[in-house]
Amino acid sequence: DRLHHKPHELSGGQQQRVAIAVALANDPPLVLADEPTAELDTEAALSVTNLLVKLSEDYGKTVVISTHDPRIAVRTHRILRLEDGRVVGEYKPIELPTAPAKSEQSIAEVLKAKLASIEKEMEDLVEKLRKGEISLEEFDLQYVKLRGYAEVLRDILRSAGH
């Protein structure tokens, strides 16, 4: 619906999505994405992240994403933590929430990372159910437990102003 609008008439999120489309238009073998979800709402950010992961998994693209958002980081295959241009840690997404916190890392950052990990587990459960890899009963037990954890973490973060 925004096809005939000028760039300055688009929202920041719409401009971001156009920039991503332009970057992918030539089918590059390598995609460097610097904060590709910065101006997007949660739903659009997850959609863009899932697209970038799909490019890597299904089409063999090398995708490098820089992000400060743990919800994005936990959807990747490998995480490198950089400080002052140097690699100070390497994690698999499943290790991110339990990685030793640096002194400058706030409790809120740790909680956000854990919440992101739980949200990813919930998405994975939905996919397993869809594929028939787990029963509805098993799904329900695990999903309800994870949803409870996520709600508690969200409440803590909200009460702390995050």
Protein backbone atom coordinates (compact mmCIF):
# COMPACT_ATOMS: atom_id res chain seq x y z
CA ASP A 1 0.00 0.00 0.00
CA ARG A 2 3.03 2.31 0.16
CA LEU A 3 4.35 1.56 -3.32
CA HIS A 4 3.91 5.10 -4.66
CA HIS A 5 5.24 6.92 -1.58
CA LYS A 6 8.59 8.68 -1.33
CA PRO A 7 11.13 7.34 1.20
CA HIS A 8 10.60 10.30 3.55
CA GLU A 9 6.88 9.39 3.63
CA LEU A 10 7.61 5.95 5.06
CA SER A 11 7.96 5.11 8.75
CA GLY A 12 11.37 4.14 10.11
CA GLY A 13 10.32 0.49 10.13
CA GLN A 14 9.09 0.65 6.55
CA GLN A 15 12.35 2.29 5.47
CA GLN A 16 14.28 -0.47 7.26
CA ARG A 17 12.33 -3.20 5.46
CA VAL A 18 12.91 -1.50 2.09
CA ALA A 19 16.64 -1.32 2.84
CA ILE A 20 16.69 -5.05 3.61
CA ALA A 21 14.81 -5.84 0.39
CA VAL A 22 17.27 -3.74 -1.62
CA ALA A 23 20.23 -5.50 0.04
CA LEU A 24 18.82 -8.92 -0.89
CA ALA A 25 17.70 -8.02 -4.42
CA ASN A 26 20.99 -9.05 -6.07
CA ASP A 27 21.04 -12.45 -4.30
CA PRO A 28 24.40 -11.84 -2.54
CA PRO A 29 26.37 -14.81 -1.13
CA LEU A 30 27.19 -12.74 1.98
CA VAL A 31 24.76 -10.57 3.94
CA LEU A 32 26.12 -8.11 6.50
CA ALA A 33 23.24 -6.80 8.60
CA ASP A 34 23.99 -4.01 11.08
CA GLU A 35 21.06 -3.82 13.53
CA PRO A 36 18.57 -4.97 10.85
CA THR A 37 15.68 -4.89 13.31
CA ALA A 38 16.44 -1.58 15.04
CA GLU A 39 13.39 0.34 13.79
CA LEU A 40 10.97 -2.57 13.69
CA ASP A 41 8.22 -3.65 16.05
CA THR A 42 8.57 -7.07 17.68
CA GLU A 43 6.58 -8.97 15.06
CA ALA A 44 8.40 -7.40 12.11
CA ALA A 45 11.78 -7.87 13.86
CA LEU A 46 11.14 -11.59 14.31
CA SER A 47 9.99 -11.85 10.70
CA VAL A 48 13.20 -10.20 9.43
CA THR A 49 15.35 -12.34 11.72
CA ASN A 50 13.62 -15.53 10.60
CA LEU A 51 14.16 -14.48 6.98
CA LEU A 52 17.89 -13.93 7.55
CA VAL A 53 18.22 -17.30 9.33
CA LYS A 54 16.29 -18.96 6.48
CA LEU A 55 18.67 -17.41 3.94
CA SER A 56 21.52 -19.04 5.79
CA GLU A 57 19.93 -22.42 6.40
CA ASP A 58 17.97 -22.98 3.20
CA TYR A 59 20.02 -21.05 0.65
CA GLY A 60 23.56 -21.38 1.99
CA LYS A 61 24.07 -17.65 2.46
CA THR A 62 26.57 -16.40 4.99
CA VAL A 63 24.68 -13.98 7.22
CA VAL A 64 26.43 -11.80 9.78
CA ILE A 65 24.14 -9.83 12.08
CA SER A 66 25.25 -7.21 14.57
CA THR A 67 22.67 -6.67 17.27
CA HIS A 68 22.19 -5.63 20.87
CA ASP A 69 18.89 -7.50 21.02
CA PRO A 70 19.16 -10.92 22.70
CA ARG A 71 15.84 -11.96 21.08
CA ILE A 72 17.65 -11.76 17.76
CA ALA A 73 20.93 -13.28 18.96
CA VAL A 74 19.34 -16.48 20.29
CA ARG A 75 17.94 -17.28 16.84
CA THR A 76 21.40 -17.52 15.29
CA HIS A 77 23.84 -20.43 15.17
CA ARG A 78 26.85 -18.69 16.65
CA ILE A 79 27.27 -15.59 18.77
CA LEU A 80 30.44 -13.56 19.10
CA ARG A 81 30.46 -10.90 21.80
CA LEU A 82 32.59 -7.90 20.88
CA GLU A 83 33.96 -5.18 23.11
CA ASP A 84 36.12 -2.38 21.74
CA GLY A 85 36.53 -4.26 18.46
CA ARG A 86 37.76 -7.48 20.10
CA VAL A 87 36.04 -10.82 20.52
CA VAL A 88 35.58 -11.34 24.26
CA GLY A 89 33.28 -14.33 24.14
CA GLU A 90 31.83 -16.92 21.85
CA TYR A 91 28.58 -18.68 22.61
CA LYS A 92 26.08 -21.02 21.10
CA PRO A 93 22.63 -19.48 21.44
CA ILE A 94 21.61 -22.00 24.08
CA GLU A 95 24.60 -20.89 26.20
CA LEU A 96 23.90 -17.17 26.01
CA PRO A 97 21.60 -16.82 29.02
CA THR A 98 23.91 -18.81 31.27
CA ALA A 99 27.17 -17.28 30.04
CA PRO A 100 29.11 -15.59 32.83
CA ALA A 101 27.93 -12.02 33.15
CA LYS A 102 30.57 -9.34 32.84
CA SER A 103 30.60 -6.72 35.56
CA GLU A 104 29.16 -4.14 33.14
CA GLN A 105 26.32 -6.45 32.11
CA SER A 106 23.16 -5.52 33.98
CA ILE A 107 20.74 -7.93 35.55
CA ALA A 108 18.16 -6.66 33.06
CA GLU A 109 20.38 -7.76 30.15
CA VAL A 110 20.73 -11.23 31.65
CA LEU A 111 16.95 -11.45 32.21
CA LYS A 112 16.24 -10.23 28.67
CA ALA A 113 18.60 -12.86 27.27
CA LYS A 114 16.93 -15.59 29.34
CA LEU A 115 13.49 -14.40 28.21
CA ALA A 116 14.63 -14.48 24.58
CA SER A 117 15.89 -18.02 25.05
CA ILE A 118 12.56 -19.12 26.54
CA GLU A 119 10.64 -17.46 23.69
CA LYS A 120 12.82 -19.35 21.21
CA GLU A 121 12.13 -22.63 23.04
CA MET A 122 8.41 -21.89 22.80
CA GLU A 123 8.69 -21.30 19.05
CA ASP A 124 10.66 -24.53 18.67
CA LEU A 125 7.93 -26.43 20.56
CA VAL A 126 5.26 -25.05 18.24
CA GLU A 127 7.32 -26.19 15.25
CA LYS A 128 7.82 -29.69 16.75
CA LEU A 129 4.08 -29.99 17.33
CA ARG A 130 3.36 -28.82 13.80
CA LYS A 131 5.74 -31.46 12.43
CA GLY A 132 4.24 -34.16 14.65
CA GLU A 133 7.49 -34.69 16.55
CA ILE A 134 5.78 -34.35 19.96
CA SER A 135 2.32 -35.15 21.25
CA LEU A 136 -0.22 -32.49 22.11
CA GLU A 137 0.00 -33.47 25.78
CA GLU A 138 3.79 -33.15 25.82
CA PHE A 139 3.54 -29.83 24.00
CA ASP A 140 0.97 -28.52 26.47
CA LEU A 141 3.03 -29.48 29.53
CA GLN A 142 6.23 -27.90 28.22
CA TYR A 143 4.60 -24.83 26.68
CA VAL A 144 2.61 -23.93 29.80
CA LYS A 145 5.75 -24.21 31.93
CA LEU A 146 7.79 -22.04 29.55
CA ARG A 147 4.99 -19.50 29.23
CA GLY A 148 4.88 -19.22 33.03
CA TYR A 149 8.63 -18.57 33.19
CA ALA A 150 8.35 -15.99 30.42
CA GLU A 151 5.51 -14.17 32.20
CA VAL A 152 7.51 -13.99 35.42
CA LEU A 153 10.55 -12.58 33.60
CA ARG A 154 8.40 -10.03 31.75
CA ASP A 155 6.83 -8.95 35.06
CA ILE A 156 10.25 -8.50 36.64
CA LEU A 157 11.50 -6.50 33.67
CA ARG A 158 8.35 -4.34 33.61
CA SER A 159 8.58 -3.62 37.32
CA ALA A 160 12.21 -2.55 36.80
CA GLY A 161 11.17 -0.19 33.98
CA HIS A 162 12.49 -2.29 31.06
